[in-house]
C-alpha atoms as a PDB file:
ATOM      1  CA  UNK A   1     160.584 116.352  65.476  1.00  0.00           C
ATOM      2  CA  UNK A   2     161.142 112.680  66.268  1.00  0.00           C
ATOM      3  CA  UNK A   3     158.298 112.627  68.740  1.00  0.00           C
ATOM      4  CA  UNK A   4     155.704 113.039  65.979  1.00  0.00           C
ATOM      5  CA  UNK A   5     157.149 110.412  63.626  1.00  0.00           C
ATOM      6  CA  UNK A   6     154.848 107.533  62.713  1.00  0.00           C
ATOM      7  CA  UNK A   7     155.705 104.254  64.436  1.00  0.00           C
ATOM      8  CA  UNK A   8     154.121 100.825  64.840  1.00  0.00           C
ATOM      9  CA  UNK A   9     152.757 100.116  68.296  1.00  0.00           C
ATOM     10  CA  UNK A  10     151.940  96.548  69.315  1.00  0.00           C
ATOM     11  CA  UNK A  11     148.597  95.875  70.984  1.00  0.00           C
ATOM     12  CA  UNK A  12     149.459  94.421  74.411  1.00  0.00           C
ATOM     13  CA  UNK A  13     145.919  94.183  75.716  1.00  0.00           C
ATOM     14  CA  UNK A  14     142.363  95.281  74.998  1.00  0.00           C
ATOM     15  CA  UNK A  15     140.160  96.147  77.944  1.00  0.00           C
ATOM     16  CA  UNK A  16     136.399  96.736  77.668  1.00  0.00           C
ATOM     17  CA  UNK A  17     135.298  99.795  79.632  1.00  0.00           C
ATOM     18  CA  UNK A  18     131.608  99.918  78.668  1.00  0.00           C
ATOM     19  CA  UNK A  19     129.541  98.134  75.988  1.00  0.00           C
ATOM     20  CA  UNK A  20     130.721 100.756  73.466  1.00  0.00           C
ATOM     21  CA  UNK A  21     134.162 101.762  74.799  1.00  0.00           C
ATOM     22  CA  UNK A  22     137.461  99.862  74.833  1.00  0.00           C
ATOM     23  CA  UNK A  23     140.965 100.704  76.021  1.00  0.00           C
ATOM     24  CA  UNK A  24     143.833  99.618  73.778  1.00  0.00           C
ATOM     25  CA  UNK A  25     147.245  99.304  75.439  1.00  0.00           C
ATOM     26  CA  UNK A  26     150.018  99.819  72.874  1.00  0.00           C
ATOM     27  CA  UNK A  27     153.689  99.036  73.459  1.00  0.00           C
ATOM     28  CA  UNK A  28     155.768 101.597  71.569  1.00  0.00           C
ATOM     29  CA  UNK A  29     159.310 101.020  70.268  1.00  0.00           C
ATOM     30  CA  UNK A  30     159.968 104.778  70.489  1.00  0.00           C
ATOM     31  CA  UNK A  31     158.025 105.759  73.578  1.00  0.00           C
ATOM     32  CA  UNK A  32     158.226 109.460  74.449  1.00  0.00           C
ATOM     33  CA  UNK A  33     157.095 110.917  77.783  1.00  0.00           C
ATOM     34  CA  UNK A  34     153.821 112.752  77.347  1.00  0.00           C
ATOM     35  CA  UNK A  35     151.866 115.353  79.276  1.00  0.00           C
ATOM     36  CA  UNK A  36     148.478 114.525  80.760  1.00  0.00           C
ATOM     37  CA  UNK A  37     145.934 115.783  78.238  1.00  0.00           C
ATOM     38  CA  UNK A  38     147.925 115.134  75.054  1.00  0.00           C
ATOM     39  CA  UNK A  39     146.824 112.820  72.253  1.00  0.00           C
ATOM     40  CA  UNK A  40     148.122 110.465  69.573  1.00  0.00           C
ATOM     41  CA  UNK A  41     147.141 110.242  65.931  1.00  0.00           C
ATOM     42  CA  UNK A  42     146.249 106.755  64.756  1.00  0.00           C
ATOM     43  CA  UNK A  43     146.356 105.847  61.057  1.00  0.00           C
ATOM     44  CA  UNK A  44     144.857 102.872  59.252  1.00  0.00           C
ATOM     45  CA  UNK A  45     145.970 101.953  55.723  1.00  0.00           C
ATOM     46  CA  UNK A  46     143.868  99.642  53.549  1.00  0.00           C
ATOM     47  CA  UNK A  47     145.316  97.213  51.014  1.00  0.00           C
ATOM     48  CA  UNK A  48     144.489  99.595  48.189  1.00  0.00           C
ATOM     49  CA  UNK A  49     146.338 102.462  49.848  1.00  0.00           C
ATOM     50  CA  UNK A  50     143.308 104.286  51.280  1.00  0.00           C
ATOM     51  CA  UNK A  51     144.128 105.831  54.655  1.00  0.00           C
ATOM     52  CA  UNK A  52     141.967 106.985  57.547  1.00  0.00           C
ATOM     53  CA  UNK A  53     143.344 108.921  60.478  1.00  0.00           C
ATOM     54  CA  UNK A  54     141.888 109.910  63.854  1.00  0.00           C
ATOM     55  CA  UNK A  55     143.187 111.526  67.013  1.00  0.00           C
ATOM     56  CA  UNK A  56     142.716 109.804  70.370  1.00  0.00           C
ATOM     57  CA  UNK A  57     143.513 111.209  73.800  1.00  0.00           C
ATOM     58  CA  UNK A  58     146.021 109.352  75.944  1.00  0.00           C
ATOM     59  CA  UNK A  59     144.363 107.787  78.972  1.00  0.00           C
ATOM     60  CA  UNK A  60     147.529 106.586  80.695  1.00  0.00           C
ATOM     61  CA  UNK A  61     149.620 108.836  82.964  1.00  0.00           C
ATOM     62  CA  UNK A  62     153.155 109.949  82.059  1.00  0.00           C
ATOM     63  CA  UNK A  63     154.479 107.556  84.706  1.00  0.00           C
ATOM     64  CA  UNK A  64     153.336 104.534  82.674  1.00  0.00           C
ATOM     65  CA  UNK A  65     156.470 104.095  80.588  1.00  0.00           C
ATOM     66  CA  UNK A  66     157.040 102.214  77.352  1.00  0.00           C
ATOM     67  CA  UNK A  67     153.369 102.125  76.408  1.00  0.00           C
ATOM     68  CA  UNK A  68     150.258 104.221  76.002  1.00  0.00           C
ATOM     69  CA  UNK A  69     146.596 103.569  76.609  1.00  0.00           C
ATOM     70  CA  UNK A  70     144.058 104.860  74.103  1.00  0.00           C
ATOM     71  CA  UNK A  71     140.420 104.637  75.137  1.00  0.00           C
ATOM     72  CA  UNK A  72     138.176 104.541  72.081  1.00  0.00           C
ATOM     73  CA  UNK A  73     134.413 104.913  71.782  1.00  0.00           C
ATOM     74  CA  UNK A  74     132.659 102.994  69.018  1.00  0.00           C
ATOM     75  CA  UNK A  75     131.080 105.635  66.791  1.00  0.00           C
ATOM     76  CA  UNK A  76     128.130 104.894  64.516  1.00  0.00           C
ATOM     77  CA  UNK A  77     129.556 104.346  61.008  1.00  0.00           C
ATOM     78  CA  UNK A  78     133.000 105.299  62.328  1.00  0.00           C
ATOM     79  CA  UNK A  79     135.484 103.599  60.012  1.00  0.00           C
ATOM     80  CA  UNK A  80     138.413 103.807  62.429  1.00  0.00           C
ATOM     81  CA  UNK A  81     136.613 103.006  65.675  1.00  0.00           C
ATOM     82  CA  UNK A  82     134.673 100.240  63.906  1.00  0.00           C
ATOM     83  CA  UNK A  83     137.882  98.612  62.698  1.00  0.00           C
ATOM     84  CA  UNK A  84     139.510  98.924  66.124  1.00  0.00           C
ATOM     85  CA  UNK A  85     136.526  97.208  67.734  1.00  0.00           C
ATOM     86  CA  UNK A  86     136.021  94.446  65.194  1.00  0.00           C
ATOM     87  CA  UNK A  87     139.341  93.936  63.419  1.00  0.00           C
ATOM     88  CA  UNK A  88     142.095  94.404  66.019  1.00  0.00           C
ATOM     89  CA  UNK A  89     143.408  91.707  68.352  1.00  0.00           C
ATOM     90  CA  UNK A  90     146.228  91.446  70.886  1.00  0.00           C
ATOM     91  CA  UNK A  91     149.542  91.193  69.036  1.00  0.00           C
ATOM     92  CA  UNK A  92     148.425  93.329  66.092  1.00  0.00           C
ATOM     93  CA  UNK A  93     150.339  96.468  65.145  1.00  0.00           C
ATOM     94  CA  UNK A  94     148.812  99.927  64.816  1.00  0.00           C
ATOM     95  CA  UNK A  95     150.431 102.972  63.251  1.00  0.00           C
ATOM     96  CA  UNK A  96     150.530 105.935  65.620  1.00  0.00           C
ATOM     97  CA  UNK A  97     152.384 109.202  66.118  1.00  0.00           C
ATOM     98  CA  UNK A  98     152.634 111.477  69.122  1.00  0.00           C
ATOM     99  CA  UNK A  99     152.408 112.777  71.715  1.00  0.00           C
ATOM    100  CA  UNK A 100     150.725 115.855  70.255  1.00  0.00           C
ATOM    101  CA  UNK A 101     149.272 118.982  71.854  1.00  0.00           C
ATOM    102  CA  UNK A 102     150.519 121.569  74.300  1.00  0.00           C
ATOM    103  CA  UNK A 103     147.454 123.609  75.209  1.00  0.00           C
ATOM    104  CA  UNK A 104     145.055 121.217  76.927  1.00  0.00           C
ATOM    105  CA  UNK A 105     147.597 119.756  79.356  1.00  0.00           C
ATOM    106  CA  UNK A 106     148.052 119.525  83.120  1.00  0.00           C
ATOM    107  CA  UNK A 107     151.631 119.278  84.326  1.00  0.00           C
ATOM    108  CA  UNK A 108     150.905 118.454  87.953  1.00  0.00           C
ATOM    109  CA  UNK A 109     152.882 121.232  89.610  1.00  0.00           C
ATOM    110  CA  UNK A 110     152.383 121.139  93.408  1.00  0.00           C
ATOM    111  CA  UNK A 111     151.695 124.890  93.341  1.00  0.00           C
ATOM    112  CA  UNK A 112     148.987 124.569  90.672  1.00  0.00           C
ATOM    113  CA  UNK A 113     145.444 125.727  91.500  1.00  0.00           C
ATOM    114  CA  UNK A 114     142.695 123.217  92.297  1.00  0.00           C
ATOM    115  CA  UNK A 115     141.392 121.121  89.408  1.00  0.00           C
ATOM    116  CA  UNK A 116     137.878 121.274  88.015  1.00  0.00           C
ATOM    117  CA  UNK A 117     137.467 118.578  85.370  1.00  0.00           C
ATOM    118  CA  UNK A 118     134.264 118.437  83.322  1.00  0.00           C
ATOM    119  CA  UNK A 119     133.827 115.602  80.854  1.00  0.00           C
ATOM    120  CA  UNK A 120     131.051 114.411  78.585  1.00  0.00           C
ATOM    121  CA  UNK A 121     131.124 110.767  77.468  1.00  0.00           C
ATOM    122  CA  UNK A 122     134.529 109.800  76.094  1.00  0.00           C
ATOM    123  CA  UNK A 123     135.680 113.348  76.816  1.00  0.00           C
ATOM    124  CA  UNK A 124     136.652 111.949  80.201  1.00  0.00           C
ATOM    125  CA  UNK A 125     139.706 110.236  78.664  1.00  0.00           C
ATOM    126  CA  UNK A 126     142.289 113.064  78.883  1.00  0.00           C
ATOM    127  CA  UNK A 127     140.835 114.055  82.259  1.00  0.00           C
ATOM    128  CA  UNK A 128     141.499 110.507  83.473  1.00  0.00           C
ATOM    129  CA  UNK A 129     145.126 110.869  82.453  1.00  0.00           C
ATOM    130  CA  UNK A 130     145.271 113.995  84.631  1.00  0.00           C
ATOM    131  CA  UNK A 131     143.699 112.217  87.600  1.00  0.00           C
ATOM    132  CA  UNK A 132     146.029 109.239  87.246  1.00  0.00           C
ATOM    133  CA  UNK A 133     149.004 111.607  87.001  1.00  0.00           C
ATOM    134  CA  UNK A 134     147.819 113.425  90.133  1.00  0.00           C
ATOM    135  CA  UNK A 135     147.488 110.099  91.946  1.00  0.00           C
ATOM    136  CA  UNK A 136     150.976 108.960  90.911  1.00  0.00           C
ATOM    137  CA  UNK A 137     152.436 112.251  92.135  1.00  0.00           C
ATOM    138  CA  UNK A 138     150.688 111.860  95.484  1.00  0.00           C
ATOM    139  CA  UNK A 139     149.263 115.367  95.238  1.00  0.00           C
ATOM    140  CA  UNK A 140     146.413 116.490  97.444  1.00  0.00           C
ATOM    141  CA  UNK A 141     145.511 119.371  95.157  1.00  0.00           C
ATOM    142  CA  UNK A 142     141.710 119.602  95.485  1.00  0.00           C
ATOM    143  CA  UNK A 143     140.089 118.079  92.406  1.00  0.00           C
ATOM    144  CA  UNK A 144     136.524 117.572  91.217  1.00  0.00           C
ATOM    145  CA  UNK A 145     135.412 115.530  88.215  1.00  0.00           C
ATOM    146  CA  UNK A 146     131.943 116.377  86.924  1.00  0.00           C
ATOM    147  CA  UNK A 147     131.191 113.556  84.488  1.00  0.00           C
ATOM    148  CA  UNK A 148     128.131 113.821  82.257  1.00  0.00           C
ATOM    149  CA  UNK A 149     126.826 110.543  80.838  1.00  0.00           C
ATOM    150  CA  UNK A 150     123.481 109.406  79.528  1.00  0.00           C
ATOM    151  CA  UNK A 151     122.964 106.095  81.331  1.00  0.00           C
ATOM    152  CA  UNK A 152     124.636 104.016  84.086  1.00  0.00           C
ATOM    153  CA  UNK A 153     126.219 101.548  81.653  1.00  0.00           C
ATOM    154  CA  UNK A 154     128.092 104.396  79.938  1.00  0.00           C
ATOM    155  CA  UNK A 155     130.293 105.412  82.889  1.00  0.00           C
ATOM    156  CA  UNK A 156     133.831 104.899  81.567  1.00  0.00           C
ATOM    157  CA  UNK A 157     136.400 103.945  84.263  1.00  0.00           C
ATOM    158  CA  UNK A 158     133.621 103.762  86.871  1.00  0.00           C
ATOM    159  CA  UNK A 159     135.250 101.293  89.272  1.00  0.00           C
ATOM    160  CA  UNK A 160     138.612 103.076  89.173  1.00  0.00           C
ATOM    161  CA  UNK A 161     137.068 106.510  89.628  1.00  0.00           C
ATOM    162  CA  UNK A 162     134.936 105.385  92.558  1.00  0.00           C
ATOM    163  CA  UNK A 163     137.936 103.731  94.223  1.00  0.00           C
ATOM    164  CA  UNK A 164     139.980 106.879  93.663  1.00  0.00           C
ATOM    165  CA  UNK A 165     137.302 109.040  95.272  1.00  0.00           C
ATOM    166  CA  UNK A 166     136.893 106.675  98.211  1.00  0.00           C
ATOM    167  CA  UNK A 167     140.627 106.650  98.940  1.00  0.00           C
ATOM    168  CA  UNK A 168     141.209 110.397  98.526  1.00  0.00           C
ATOM    169  CA  UNK A 169     139.205 112.979 100.458  1.00  0.00           C
ATOM    170  CA  UNK A 170     140.620 115.757  98.264  1.00  0.00           C
ATOM    171  CA  UNK A 171     139.001 114.290  95.128  1.00  0.00           C
ATOM    172  CA  UNK A 172     135.255 114.369  94.461  1.00  0.00           C
ATOM    173  CA  UNK A 173     133.512 112.365  91.738  1.00  0.00           C
ATOM    174  CA  UNK A 174     130.224 113.890  90.581  1.00  0.00           C
ATOM    175  CA  UNK A 175     128.260 111.813  88.089  1.00  0.00           C
ATOM    176  CA  UNK A 176     125.492 113.522  86.131  1.00  0.00           C
ATOM    177  CA  UNK A 177     123.048 111.239  84.309  1.00  0.00           C
ATOM    178  CA  UNK A 178     121.202 113.037  81.516  1.00  0.00           C
ATOM    179  CA  UNK A 179     118.887 110.258  80.279  1.00  0.00           C
ATOM    180  CA  UNK A 180     118.524 107.513  82.903  1.00  0.00           C
ATOM    181  CA  UNK A 181     119.931 107.324  86.432  1.00  0.00           C
ATOM    182  CA  UNK A 182     120.456 104.237  88.601  1.00  0.00           C
ATOM    183  CA  UNK A 183     117.576 103.280  90.929  1.00  0.00           C
ATOM    184  CA  UNK A 184     117.556 105.484  94.003  1.00  0.00           C
ATOM    185  CA  UNK A 185     120.038 107.959  92.521  1.00  0.00           C
ATOM    186  CA  UNK A 186     120.248 111.157  94.586  1.00  0.00           C
ATOM    187  CA  UNK A 187     122.912 112.990  92.570  1.00  0.00           C
ATOM    188  CA  UNK A 188     122.718 115.153  89.477  1.00  0.00           C
ATOM    189  CA  UNK A 189     120.282 114.112  86.786  1.00  0.00           C
ATOM    190  CA  UNK A 190     120.021 116.955  84.281  1.00  0.00           C
ATOM    191  CA  UNK A 191     121.858 118.833  81.594  1.00  0.00           C
ATOM    192  CA  UNK A 192     124.798 120.817  82.912  1.00  0.00           C
ATOM    193  CA  UNK A 193     123.771 124.452  83.301  1.00  0.00           C
ATOM    194  CA  UNK A 194     125.100 127.562  85.045  1.00  0.00           C
ATOM    195  CA  UNK A 195     123.265 126.765  88.286  1.00  0.00           C
ATOM    196  CA  UNK A 196     124.807 123.295  88.479  1.00  0.00           C
ATOM    197  CA  UNK A 197     128.242 124.702  87.667  1.00  0.00           C
ATOM    198  CA  UNK A 198     127.848 127.362  90.364  1.00  0.00           C
ATOM    199  CA  UNK A 199     127.262 124.581  92.907  1.00  0.00           C
ATOM    200  CA  UNK A 200     130.343 122.707  91.757  1.00  0.00           C
ATOM    201  CA  UNK A 201     132.609 125.779  91.699  1.00  0.00           C
ATOM    202  CA  UNK A 202     131.402 126.677  95.207  1.00  0.00           C
ATOM    203  CA  UNK A 203     133.084 123.485  96.449  1.00  0.00           C
ATOM    204  CA  UNK A 204     136.440 125.223  95.994  1.00  0.00           C
ATOM    205  CA  UNK A 205     135.567 128.094  98.323  1.00  0.00           C
ATOM    206  CA  UNK A 206     137.450 131.322  97.650  1.00  0.00           C
ATOM    207  CA  UNK A 207     140.108 129.660  95.462  1.00  0.00           C
ATOM    208  CA  UNK A 208     139.400 129.674  91.751  1.00  0.00           C
ATOM    209  CA  UNK A 209     140.029 126.295  90.110  1.00  0.00           C
ATOM    210  CA  UNK A 210     141.701 125.614  86.796  1.00  0.00           C
ATOM    211  CA  UNK A 211     138.995 124.072  84.621  1.00  0.00           C
ATOM    212  CA  UNK A 212     139.549 121.486  81.900  1.00  0.00           C
ATOM    213  CA  UNK A 213     136.445 120.746  79.814  1.00  0.00           C
ATOM    214  CA  UNK A 214     136.323 117.970  77.202  1.00  0.00           C
ATOM    215  CA  UNK A 215     133.493 116.362  75.279  1.00  0.00           C
ATOM    216  CA  UNK A 216     131.098 116.919  72.389  1.00  0.00           C
ATOM    217  CA  UNK A 217     131.073 120.458  71.021  1.00  0.00           C
ATOM    218  CA  UNK A 218     127.641 121.382  72.393  1.00  0.00           C
ATOM    219  CA  UNK A 219     128.480 120.296  75.933  1.00  0.00           C
ATOM    220  CA  UNK A 220     131.877 121.990  75.901  1.00  0.00           C
ATOM    221  CA  UNK A 221     130.454 125.290  74.718  1.00  0.00           C
ATOM    222  CA  UNK A 222     127.654 125.197  77.285  1.00  0.00           C
ATOM    223  CA  UNK A 223     130.045 124.379  80.133  1.00  0.00           C
ATOM    224  CA  UNK A 224     132.639 126.958  79.100  1.00  0.00           C
ATOM    225  CA  UNK A 225     129.992 129.681  78.864  1.00  0.00           C
ATOM    226  CA  UNK A 226     128.519 128.560  82.177  1.00  0.00           C
ATOM    227  CA  UNK A 227     131.872 128.701  83.951  1.00  0.00           C
ATOM    228  CA  UNK A 228     132.509 132.199  82.629  1.00  0.00           C
ATOM    229  CA  UNK A 229     129.019 133.192  83.800  1.00  0.00           C
ATOM    230  CA  UNK A 230     129.754 132.040  87.347  1.00  0.00           C
ATOM    231  CA  UNK A 231     132.952 134.052  87.510  1.00  0.00           C
ATOM    232  CA  UNK A 232     135.881 131.988  86.262  1.00  0.00           C
ATOM    233  CA  UNK A 233     138.240 134.082  84.111  1.00  0.00           C
ATOM    234  CA  UNK A 234     138.764 132.914  80.514  1.00  0.00           C
ATOM    235  CA  UNK A 235     142.373 131.869  81.117  1.00  0.00           C
ATOM    236  CA  UNK A 236     141.182 129.433  83.794  1.00  0.00           C
ATOM    237  CA  UNK A 237     138.886 127.578  81.385  1.00  0.00           C
ATOM    238  CA  UNK A 238     140.632 125.261  78.915  1.00  0.00           C
ATOM    239  CA  UNK A 239     138.533 123.306  76.436  1.00  0.00           C
ATOM    240  CA  UNK A 240     138.874 120.442  74.002  1.00  0.00           C
ATOM    241  CA  UNK A 241     135.978 119.299  71.873  1.00  0.00           C
ATOM    242  CA  UNK A 242     135.249 116.636  69.298  1.00  0.00           C
ATOM    243  CA  UNK A 243     132.660 116.053  66.599  1.00  0.00           C
ATOM    244  CA  UNK A 244     130.773 112.836  65.860  1.00  0.00           C
ATOM    245  CA  UNK A 245     133.831 111.085  64.412  1.00  0.00           C
ATOM    246  CA  UNK A 246     136.563 112.726  66.460  1.00  0.00           C
ATOM    247  CA  UNK A 247     138.786 111.317  69.170  1.00  0.00           C
END
């Protein structure tokens, strides 16, 4: 039970990812190895005793010891994300507990099937932990990330993802812009539907991939239904979704 005890993590660094997304690196006195895809709860306590709690996926891989990275999107009227963006500085302490979750995880077994990762917005965070874990392990398990974002300035981890794809022929990065694409963009520029998913799944040939889908509820449901429609069995489609104030 010790792994889910509240502890105070110290903010080592704060890294902007996009205009509305930041990564907080927390040094933990009681760091516990996590699985790629797990999350931490973060709790804020006001002077009067009022508490607010949110769950945030871990962005860092299990190999990054002694600390965790939590990538947080600023949510409109979000009391926790708003405080993290405006009221937290390097050296501050934040109350967290984890790692939590055992369903939406990728363990990185060499014998595991290919990876199909589908993320919407900040839903890419746990998928990034999986990709970083895969990279640390040196695995050449075929992997595709289909990342749905509205505009070019909202691509979280863009430089790292593009470098990862350039250095690894077994990993494909597919960006899908739903509102505005960069000038001259020749890739996907529409809502994810069954036809688009059929194209992506076809990249794996005869081998069925293990799919991890994370993002807003509407996107996750549409993608999960689409993957089932193109032939993936239900046990090969794992989902994690969040509402407007979730993590």
